[in-house]
Amino acid sequence: MTKKIFLTPIKILGLIFIVLGLRWMLVDEPWMLDKVANEERLNMTFEKLFSEEINDTLPGYLKQIYRFFGLWVSTIGLFIISFSKEKFIENKAFAKNLLICIGTMVFSAQLLAYVYIPSSPFVYLGWGSIILFLVSFLNYRKLS
């Protein structure tokens, strides 16, 4: 039972990363997914930003950047799900390394979100990710 409680939050995190990555890859204007926080960070609206002639190619560039970002996030999710199997965590050292990697990722992402885009709804998703991580972390100690 402890293994399930350890692995389930990690698998959910992996699934969240896959879905987020796919959204950034498939949405036509992915920068609009977080419009308010992005415009706040830019200190201008996207309409104004894109209206300048020099920025005509900016939407295509942003789309390219978000597509790669989405690919990386989805791939991380796939790695997490791939390595969150009972067979792998039988080796407690492996489970520890998995937790170190995931913990570093969710805590540093939350810190960056607070520094750069504090009004983003992704901050709430970050807190949810931290809670899921902590459930796994607390159950790590109970693994045999």
Protein backbone atom coordinates (compact mmCIF):
# COMPACT_ATOMS: atom_id res chain seq x y z
CA MET A 1 0.00 0.00 0.00
CA THR A 2 2.86 2.41 0.82
CA LYS A 3 4.29 1.91 -2.67
CA LYS A 4 0.97 2.99 -4.20
CA ILE A 5 0.78 6.07 -1.98
CA PHE A 6 4.38 6.86 -2.94
CA LEU A 7 3.89 6.34 -6.69
CA THR A 8 0.42 7.74 -7.34
CA PRO A 9 1.28 11.43 -6.71
CA ILE A 10 4.41 11.06 -8.85
CA LYS A 11 2.37 9.54 -11.69
CA ILE A 12 -0.15 12.38 -11.39
CA LEU A 13 2.70 14.90 -11.64
CA GLY A 14 3.97 13.15 -14.77
CA LEU A 15 0.50 13.29 -16.30
CA ILE A 16 0.16 16.98 -15.44
CA PHE A 17 3.48 17.71 -17.17
CA ILE A 18 2.41 15.79 -20.28
CA VAL A 19 -0.91 17.67 -20.49
CA LEU A 20 0.74 21.07 -19.90
CA GLY A 21 3.39 20.36 -22.50
CA LEU A 22 0.81 19.25 -25.05
CA ARG A 23 -1.21 22.42 -24.44
CA TRP A 24 1.83 24.60 -25.10
CA MET A 25 2.59 22.59 -28.23
CA LEU A 26 -0.93 22.50 -29.68
CA VAL A 27 -2.49 25.88 -28.84
CA ASP A 28 -2.21 28.40 -31.68
CA GLU A 29 -1.13 31.29 -29.42
CA PRO A 30 0.37 29.58 -26.33
CA TRP A 31 1.52 32.87 -24.77
CA MET A 32 -2.16 33.69 -24.31
CA LEU A 33 -2.62 30.76 -21.89
CA ASP A 34 -1.10 33.04 -19.27
CA LYS A 35 -2.05 36.36 -20.87
CA VAL A 36 -2.51 38.48 -17.74
CA ALA A 37 0.78 37.45 -16.10
CA ASN A 38 2.70 37.71 -19.38
CA GLU A 39 1.36 41.18 -20.15
CA GLU A 40 2.10 42.23 -16.59
CA ARG A 41 5.68 40.98 -17.00
CA LEU A 42 6.04 42.72 -20.39
CA ASN A 43 4.46 45.90 -19.00
CA MET A 44 2.36 46.14 -22.17
CA THR A 45 -0.41 44.28 -23.97
CA PHE A 46 0.30 41.73 -26.67
CA GLU A 47 -1.78 43.86 -29.03
CA LYS A 48 0.62 46.77 -28.55
CA LEU A 49 3.68 44.50 -28.69
CA PHE A 50 2.61 42.91 -31.97
CA SER A 51 1.46 46.20 -33.53
CA GLU A 52 5.02 47.49 -33.96
CA GLU A 53 6.41 46.68 -37.41
CA ILE A 54 9.70 45.46 -35.98
CA ASN A 55 7.78 42.76 -34.07
CA ASP A 56 5.94 41.32 -37.11
CA THR A 57 7.78 38.00 -36.81
CA LEU A 58 7.55 37.83 -33.01
CA PRO A 59 4.39 35.66 -32.89
CA GLY A 60 6.09 32.99 -35.02
CA TYR A 61 9.19 33.11 -32.84
CA LEU A 62 7.14 32.84 -29.63
CA LYS A 63 5.20 29.92 -31.09
CA GLN A 64 8.50 28.16 -31.86
CA ILE A 65 9.84 28.76 -28.33
CA TYR A 66 6.61 27.55 -26.72
CA ARG A 67 6.53 24.44 -28.94
CA PHE A 68 10.03 23.45 -27.79
CA PHE A 69 9.15 24.27 -24.19
CA GLY A 70 6.02 22.13 -24.46
CA LEU A 71 8.05 19.29 -25.93
CA TRP A 72 10.51 19.43 -23.03
CA VAL A 73 7.76 19.57 -20.41
CA SER A 74 5.91 16.63 -22.00
CA THR A 75 9.13 14.64 -22.24
CA ILE A 76 9.85 15.26 -18.56
CA GLY A 77 6.34 14.01 -17.80
CA LEU A 78 7.00 10.88 -19.85
CA PHE A 79 10.25 10.27 -17.98
CA ILE A 80 8.51 10.68 -14.64
CA ILE A 81 5.76 8.23 -15.57
CA SER A 82 8.25 5.80 -17.13
CA PHE A 83 10.35 5.67 -13.96
CA SER A 84 7.50 5.63 -11.45
CA LYS A 85 6.92 1.92 -11.49
CA GLU A 86 7.08 -0.47 -8.54
CA LYS A 87 9.94 -2.36 -10.16
CA PHE A 88 12.15 0.74 -10.11
CA ILE A 89 11.39 1.87 -6.57
CA GLU A 90 12.26 -1.49 -5.10
CA ASN A 91 15.72 0.06 -5.13
CA LYS A 92 15.28 2.76 -2.49
CA ALA A 93 18.29 4.68 -3.84
CA PHE A 94 16.52 4.97 -7.19
CA ALA A 95 13.36 6.24 -5.50
CA LYS A 96 15.49 8.79 -3.63
CA ASN A 97 17.06 10.04 -6.88
CA LEU A 98 13.62 10.30 -8.48
CA LEU A 99 12.43 12.40 -5.53
CA ILE A 100 15.51 14.63 -5.65
CA CYS A 101 14.95 15.36 -9.35
CA ILE A 102 11.21 15.96 -9.03
CA GLY A 103 11.63 18.00 -5.84
CA THR A 104 14.28 20.21 -7.42
CA MET A 105 12.02 20.76 -10.40
CA VAL A 106 8.78 21.59 -8.57
CA PHE A 107 10.36 23.80 -5.89
CA SER A 108 12.58 25.74 -8.31
CA ALA A 109 9.68 26.17 -10.77
CA GLN A 110 7.53 27.56 -7.96
CA LEU A 111 10.28 29.95 -6.93
CA LEU A 112 10.71 31.16 -10.51
CA ALA A 113 6.95 31.56 -10.88
CA TYR A 114 6.81 33.78 -7.78
CA VAL A 115 9.77 35.87 -8.97
CA TYR A 116 8.76 36.32 -12.61
CA ILE A 117 5.00 35.73 -12.94
CA PRO A 118 3.44 35.98 -9.46
CA SER A 119 -0.06 36.73 -10.81
CA SER A 120 -0.08 33.57 -12.96
CA PRO A 121 -2.61 30.83 -12.27
CA PHE A 122 0.34 28.45 -12.75
CA VAL A 123 1.41 29.44 -9.22
CA TYR A 124 -1.60 27.51 -7.90
CA LEU A 125 -0.67 24.53 -10.05
CA GLY A 126 2.82 24.82 -8.57
CA TRP A 127 1.45 24.57 -5.04
CA GLY A 128 -0.54 21.50 -6.08
CA SER A 129 2.63 19.97 -7.51
CA ILE A 130 4.48 20.64 -4.26
CA ILE A 131 1.69 18.98 -2.25
CA LEU A 132 1.80 15.91 -4.52
CA PHE A 133 5.58 15.78 -4.16
CA LEU A 134 5.35 16.06 -0.36
CA VAL A 135 2.88 13.14 -0.20
CA SER A 136 5.41 10.99 -2.06
CA PHE A 137 8.30 12.33 0.00
CA LEU A 138 6.58 11.49 3.30
CA ASN A 139 5.80 8.00 2.05
CA TYR A 140 9.35 7.46 0.81
CA ARG A 141 10.47 6.95 4.41
CA LYS A 142 7.94 4.14 4.80
CA LEU A 143 9.20 2.19 1.79
CA SER A 144 10.84 -1.08 2.74
